[in-house]
Amino acid sequence: MSHEFINVDENLRLEQLTPDRAGEVFTITDQNRDYLGKFMPWVPYIKSPEDSLNYINETIESRKLGAKYSYGVVYDETLVGNVSLRNLNHESLRPEIGYWIIPEYSGKGITTRAVKVLTELGLKSLELDQIILRANPENVASNKVAEKAGYQLVDYEVEDGEPLNVWSISK
């Protein structure tokens, strides 16, 4: 598989998560459940390390199929979040980046740098024409990441009752 690791800078790298990190992924999700659950609809479904393992295995299989590139965000050798580029071979969905970071690492530019690098991978290496990000309008930090990463606010939609700003970037 290509692009398993992306070194962003001396402190930050993106890495395809492997099954041996499932416990770590579960721990940071569980310890930050209230914070992450405010805007991440998947949080209630992560109830055990096995759920995190299933997610990691799904990301590995999706990468093999060319459908998704998902990375753990590792800052100073600590797993602090996740960033994914998904919907890559889906006929009716647009390529989309999603991300989350634990609160003690929020506001340091880590997520913005990770999103910029993943955007570059999508537009240049994968030759995508466009990528979107969607964020709840109340999630100020997530909307700032989209803006700082060079995305333009282009639409507003409601999905499963949740309002979402739609941000877009093109080649």
C-alpha atoms as a PDB file:
ATOM      1  CA  MET A   1       0.000   0.000   0.000  1.00  0.00           C
ATOM      2  CA  SER A   2       1.243   3.477  -0.775  1.00  0.00           C
ATOM      3  CA  HIS A   3       1.164   6.556   1.452  1.00  0.00           C
ATOM      4  CA  GLU A   4       1.122   4.563   4.703  1.00  0.00           C
ATOM      5  CA  PHE A   5       3.076   7.293   6.488  1.00  0.00           C
ATOM      6  CA  ILE A   6       3.199  10.998   5.735  1.00  0.00           C
ATOM      7  CA  ASN A   7       5.737  13.104   7.586  1.00  0.00           C
ATOM      8  CA  VAL A   8       4.237  16.584   7.893  1.00  0.00           C
ATOM      9  CA  ASP A   9       7.078  18.160   9.890  1.00  0.00           C
ATOM     10  CA  GLU A  10       9.517  17.192  12.649  1.00  0.00           C
ATOM     11  CA  ASN A  11       6.701  16.885  15.222  1.00  0.00           C
ATOM     12  CA  LEU A  12       3.768  15.715  13.149  1.00  0.00           C
ATOM     13  CA  ARG A  13       3.113  12.655  11.023  1.00  0.00           C
ATOM     14  CA  LEU A  14       0.118  10.843   9.647  1.00  0.00           C
ATOM     15  CA  GLU A  15       0.165   7.067   9.796  1.00  0.00           C
ATOM     16  CA  GLN A  16      -2.167   4.343   8.654  1.00  0.00           C
ATOM     17  CA  LEU A  17      -3.339   2.827  11.903  1.00  0.00           C
ATOM     18  CA  THR A  18      -2.599  -0.836  12.473  1.00  0.00           C
ATOM     19  CA  PRO A  19      -4.485  -3.358  14.625  1.00  0.00           C
ATOM     20  CA  ASP A  20      -1.930  -3.105  17.435  1.00  0.00           C
ATOM     21  CA  ARG A  21      -3.075   0.520  18.051  1.00  0.00           C
ATOM     22  CA  ALA A  22      -6.752  -0.358  18.611  1.00  0.00           C
ATOM     23  CA  GLY A  23      -6.446  -0.084  22.397  1.00  0.00           C
ATOM     24  CA  GLU A  24      -4.833   3.324  22.085  1.00  0.00           C
ATOM     25  CA  VAL A  25      -7.515   4.560  19.674  1.00  0.00           C
ATOM     26  CA  PHE A  26     -10.225   3.317  22.016  1.00  0.00           C
ATOM     27  CA  THR A  27      -8.583   4.940  25.048  1.00  0.00           C
ATOM     28  CA  ILE A  28      -8.333   8.413  23.516  1.00  0.00           C
ATOM     29  CA  THR A  29     -11.890   8.112  22.188  1.00  0.00           C
ATOM     30  CA  ASP A  30     -13.247   6.916  25.530  1.00  0.00           C
ATOM     31  CA  GLN A  31     -11.362   9.533  27.566  1.00  0.00           C
ATOM     32  CA  ASN A  32     -12.677  12.302  25.290  1.00  0.00           C
ATOM     33  CA  ARG A  33     -16.155  10.917  24.678  1.00  0.00           C
ATOM     34  CA  ASP A  34     -18.083  14.063  25.709  1.00  0.00           C
ATOM     35  CA  TYR A  35     -15.828  16.397  23.721  1.00  0.00           C
ATOM     36  CA  LEU A  36     -15.767  14.261  20.558  1.00  0.00           C
ATOM     37  CA  GLY A  37     -19.399  13.199  20.819  1.00  0.00           C
ATOM     38  CA  LYS A  38     -20.667  16.762  20.538  1.00  0.00           C
ATOM     39  CA  PHE A  39     -20.030  16.750  16.768  1.00  0.00           C
ATOM     40  CA  MET A  40     -18.917  13.200  15.888  1.00  0.00           C
ATOM     41  CA  PRO A  41     -21.959  10.933  15.403  1.00  0.00           C
ATOM     42  CA  TRP A  42     -19.870   7.718  15.529  1.00  0.00           C
ATOM     43  CA  VAL A  43     -18.680   8.164  19.130  1.00  0.00           C
ATOM     44  CA  PRO A  44     -21.612   6.337  20.835  1.00  0.00           C
ATOM     45  CA  TYR A  45     -20.872   3.259  18.713  1.00  0.00           C
ATOM     46  CA  ILE A  46     -17.308   2.928  20.015  1.00  0.00           C
ATOM     47  CA  LYS A  47     -17.902   0.908  23.179  1.00  0.00           C
ATOM     48  CA  SER A  48     -14.796  -1.283  23.345  1.00  0.00           C
ATOM     49  CA  PRO A  49     -11.282  -1.716  21.950  1.00  0.00           C
ATOM     50  CA  GLU A  50     -12.842  -4.267  19.570  1.00  0.00           C
ATOM     51  CA  ASP A  51     -14.923  -1.477  18.007  1.00  0.00           C
ATOM     52  CA  SER A  52     -11.742   0.514  17.416  1.00  0.00           C
ATOM     53  CA  LEU A  53     -10.091  -2.600  15.978  1.00  0.00           C
ATOM     54  CA  ASN A  54     -13.021  -3.054  13.588  1.00  0.00           C
ATOM     55  CA  TYR A  55     -12.627   0.567  12.474  1.00  0.00           C
ATOM     56  CA  ILE A  56      -8.893   0.125  11.876  1.00  0.00           C
ATOM     57  CA  ASN A  57      -9.444  -3.091   9.910  1.00  0.00           C
ATOM     58  CA  GLU A  58     -12.130  -1.341   7.822  1.00  0.00           C
ATOM     59  CA  THR A  59      -9.722   1.501   7.009  1.00  0.00           C
ATOM     60  CA  ILE A  60      -7.043  -0.968   5.919  1.00  0.00           C
ATOM     61  CA  GLU A  61      -9.486  -2.804   3.638  1.00  0.00           C
ATOM     62  CA  SER A  62     -10.864   0.483   2.265  1.00  0.00           C
ATOM     63  CA  ARG A  63      -7.340   1.631   1.431  1.00  0.00           C
ATOM     64  CA  LYS A  64      -6.655  -1.601  -0.454  1.00  0.00           C
ATOM     65  CA  LEU A  65      -9.783  -0.912  -2.516  1.00  0.00           C
ATOM     66  CA  GLY A  66      -8.788   2.697  -3.127  1.00  0.00           C
ATOM     67  CA  ALA A  67     -11.882   3.970  -1.303  1.00  0.00           C
ATOM     68  CA  LYS A  68     -10.345   5.758   1.684  1.00  0.00           C
ATOM     69  CA  TYR A  69      -7.070   6.996   3.118  1.00  0.00           C
ATOM     70  CA  SER A  70      -7.361   7.189   6.894  1.00  0.00           C
ATOM     71  CA  TYR A  71      -4.577   8.205   9.245  1.00  0.00           C
ATOM     72  CA  GLY A  72      -3.857   8.491  12.894  1.00  0.00           C
ATOM     73  CA  VAL A  73      -2.555  11.977  13.671  1.00  0.00           C
ATOM     74  CA  VAL A  74       0.656  11.512  15.655  1.00  0.00           C
ATOM     75  CA  TYR A  75       2.168  14.547  17.355  1.00  0.00           C
ATOM     76  CA  ASP A  76       5.451  14.157  19.248  1.00  0.00           C
ATOM     77  CA  GLU A  77       4.952  10.371  19.121  1.00  0.00           C
ATOM     78  CA  THR A  78       1.484  10.642  20.731  1.00  0.00           C
ATOM     79  CA  LEU A  79      -1.685   9.618  18.905  1.00  0.00           C
ATOM     80  CA  VAL A  80      -3.914  12.708  19.127  1.00  0.00           C
ATOM     81  CA  GLY A  81      -6.578  12.268  16.443  1.00  0.00           C
ATOM     82  CA  ASN A  82      -7.571  11.020  13.040  1.00  0.00           C
ATOM     83  CA  VAL A  83      -7.910  12.433   9.537  1.00  0.00           C
ATOM     84  CA  SER A  84      -9.479  10.642   6.568  1.00  0.00           C
ATOM     85  CA  LEU A  85     -10.003  11.186   2.873  1.00  0.00           C
ATOM     86  CA  ARG A  86     -13.008   9.083   1.904  1.00  0.00           C
ATOM     87  CA  ASN A  87     -15.575   8.467  -0.845  1.00  0.00           C
ATOM     88  CA  LEU A  88     -12.784   8.042  -3.384  1.00  0.00           C
ATOM     89  CA  ASN A  89     -14.465   5.504  -5.609  1.00  0.00           C
ATOM     90  CA  HIS A  90     -18.089   6.190  -4.765  1.00  0.00           C
ATOM     91  CA  GLU A  91     -20.270   7.133  -7.731  1.00  0.00           C
ATOM     92  CA  SER A  92     -22.739   9.374  -5.898  1.00  0.00           C
ATOM     93  CA  LEU A  93     -20.606  10.891  -3.116  1.00  0.00           C
ATOM     94  CA  ARG A  94     -17.912  13.554  -3.416  1.00  0.00           C
ATOM     95  CA  PRO A  95     -14.406  12.953  -2.022  1.00  0.00           C
ATOM     96  CA  GLU A  96     -14.476  14.278   1.531  1.00  0.00           C
ATOM     97  CA  ILE A  97     -12.031  14.900   4.363  1.00  0.00           C
ATOM     98  CA  GLY A  98     -13.094  14.304   7.938  1.00  0.00           C
ATOM     99  CA  TYR A  99     -11.045  14.853  11.080  1.00  0.00           C
ATOM    100  CA  TRP A 100     -10.972  14.974  14.846  1.00  0.00           C
ATOM    101  CA  ILE A 101      -8.399  15.767  17.500  1.00  0.00           C
ATOM    102  CA  ILE A 102      -8.422  15.393  21.272  1.00  0.00           C
ATOM    103  CA  PRO A 103      -8.977  18.673  23.147  1.00  0.00           C
ATOM    104  CA  GLU A 104      -5.533  19.160  24.687  1.00  0.00           C
ATOM    105  CA  TYR A 105      -4.044  19.314  21.173  1.00  0.00           C
ATOM    106  CA  SER A 106      -6.754  21.493  19.651  1.00  0.00           C
ATOM    107  CA  GLY A 107      -5.862  25.072  18.712  1.00  0.00           C
ATOM    108  CA  LYS A 108      -2.204  24.307  17.922  1.00  0.00           C
ATOM    109  CA  GLY A 109      -2.543  24.121  14.125  1.00  0.00           C
ATOM    110  CA  ILE A 110      -2.058  20.342  14.124  1.00  0.00           C
ATOM    111  CA  THR A 111      -5.369  19.543  12.447  1.00  0.00           C
ATOM    112  CA  THR A 112      -4.956  22.308   9.865  1.00  0.00           C
ATOM    113  CA  ARG A 113      -1.510  20.989   8.896  1.00  0.00           C
ATOM    114  CA  ALA A 114      -2.849  17.429   8.669  1.00  0.00           C
ATOM    115  CA  VAL A 115      -5.789  18.537   6.500  1.00  0.00           C
ATOM    116  CA  LYS A 116      -3.509  20.550   4.194  1.00  0.00           C
ATOM    117  CA  VAL A 117      -1.236  17.547   3.631  1.00  0.00           C
ATOM    118  CA  LEU A 118      -4.151  15.188   3.022  1.00  0.00           C
ATOM    119  CA  THR A 119      -5.717  17.733   0.646  1.00  0.00           C
ATOM    120  CA  GLU A 120      -2.453  17.877  -1.298  1.00  0.00           C
ATOM    121  CA  LEU A 121      -2.366  14.073  -1.463  1.00  0.00           C
ATOM    122  CA  GLY A 122      -5.897  14.051  -2.850  1.00  0.00           C
ATOM    123  CA  LEU A 123      -5.519  16.837  -5.391  1.00  0.00           C
ATOM    124  CA  LYS A 124      -1.995  16.092  -6.588  1.00  0.00           C
ATOM    125  CA  SER A 125      -1.140  12.424  -6.018  1.00  0.00           C
ATOM    126  CA  LEU A 126      -4.651  11.013  -6.423  1.00  0.00           C
ATOM    127  CA  GLU A 127      -5.558  13.622  -9.057  1.00  0.00           C
ATOM    128  CA  LEU A 128      -8.955  14.463  -7.575  1.00  0.00           C
ATOM    129  CA  ASP A 129     -10.690  17.487  -9.072  1.00  0.00           C
ATOM    130  CA  GLN A 130     -12.417  18.547  -5.856  1.00  0.00           C
ATOM    131  CA  ILE A 131     -12.559  17.681  -2.147  1.00  0.00           C
ATOM    132  CA  ILE A 132     -15.164  18.774   0.361  1.00  0.00           C
ATOM    133  CA  LEU A 133     -15.259  19.130   4.141  1.00  0.00           C
ATOM    134  CA  ARG A 134     -18.470  19.306   6.133  1.00  0.00           C
ATOM    135  CA  ALA A 135     -18.732  20.825   9.581  1.00  0.00           C
ATOM    136  CA  ASN A 136     -21.540  21.731  11.934  1.00  0.00           C
ATOM    137  CA  PRO A 137     -21.836  25.556  11.952  1.00  0.00           C
ATOM    138  CA  GLU A 138     -21.536  25.473  15.769  1.00  0.00           C
ATOM    139  CA  ASN A 139     -18.197  23.666  15.549  1.00  0.00           C
ATOM    140  CA  VAL A 140     -16.138  26.838  15.271  1.00  0.00           C
ATOM    141  CA  ALA A 141     -12.780  25.051  15.450  1.00  0.00           C
ATOM    142  CA  SER A 142     -13.627  22.652  12.622  1.00  0.00           C
ATOM    143  CA  ASN A 143     -14.850  25.474  10.400  1.00  0.00           C
ATOM    144  CA  LYS A 144     -11.634  27.420  11.106  1.00  0.00           C
ATOM    145  CA  VAL A 145      -9.579  24.381  10.071  1.00  0.00           C
ATOM    146  CA  ALA A 146     -11.420  24.249   6.738  1.00  0.00           C
ATOM    147  CA  GLU A 147     -10.869  27.958   6.130  1.00  0.00           C
ATOM    148  CA  LYS A 148      -7.191  27.921   7.160  1.00  0.00           C
ATOM    149  CA  ALA A 149      -6.594  24.872   4.950  1.00  0.00           C
ATOM    150  CA  GLY A 150      -7.747  26.881   1.922  1.00  0.00           C
ATOM    151  CA  TYR A 151     -11.300  25.605   1.541  1.00  0.00           C
ATOM    152  CA  GLN A 152     -14.165  27.904   0.525  1.00  0.00           C
ATOM    153  CA  LEU A 153     -17.601  27.808   2.134  1.00  0.00           C
ATOM    154  CA  VAL A 154     -19.896  26.821  -0.746  1.00  0.00           C
ATOM    155  CA  ASP A 155     -23.107  25.374   0.663  1.00  0.00           C
ATOM    156  CA  TYR A 156     -25.213  24.479   3.658  1.00  0.00           C
ATOM    157  CA  GLU A 157     -27.048  21.181   4.044  1.00  0.00           C
ATOM    158  CA  VAL A 158     -28.838  19.082   6.622  1.00  0.00           C
ATOM    159  CA  GLU A 159     -27.977  15.402   7.020  1.00  0.00           C
ATOM    160  CA  ASP A 160     -29.818  13.194   9.501  1.00  0.00           C
ATOM    161  CA  GLY A 161     -31.155  16.351  11.140  1.00  0.00           C
ATOM    162  CA  GLU A 162     -27.662  17.820  11.564  1.00  0.00           C
ATOM    163  CA  PRO A 163     -26.863  21.181   9.946  1.00  0.00           C
ATOM    164  CA  LEU A 164     -23.589  21.203   8.026  1.00  0.00           C
ATOM    165  CA  ASN A 165     -21.489  23.858   6.364  1.00  0.00           C
ATOM    166  CA  VAL A 166     -20.014  22.471   3.141  1.00  0.00           C
ATOM    167  CA  TRP A 167     -16.485  23.625   2.323  1.00  0.00           C
ATOM    168  CA  SER A 168     -14.800  22.868  -0.993  1.00  0.00           C
ATOM    169  CA  ILE A 169     -11.397  23.068  -2.639  1.00  0.00           C
ATOM    170  CA  SER A 170     -10.568  22.363  -6.290  1.00  0.00           C
ATOM    171  CA  LYS A 171      -7.414  21.915  -8.349  1.00  0.00           C
END
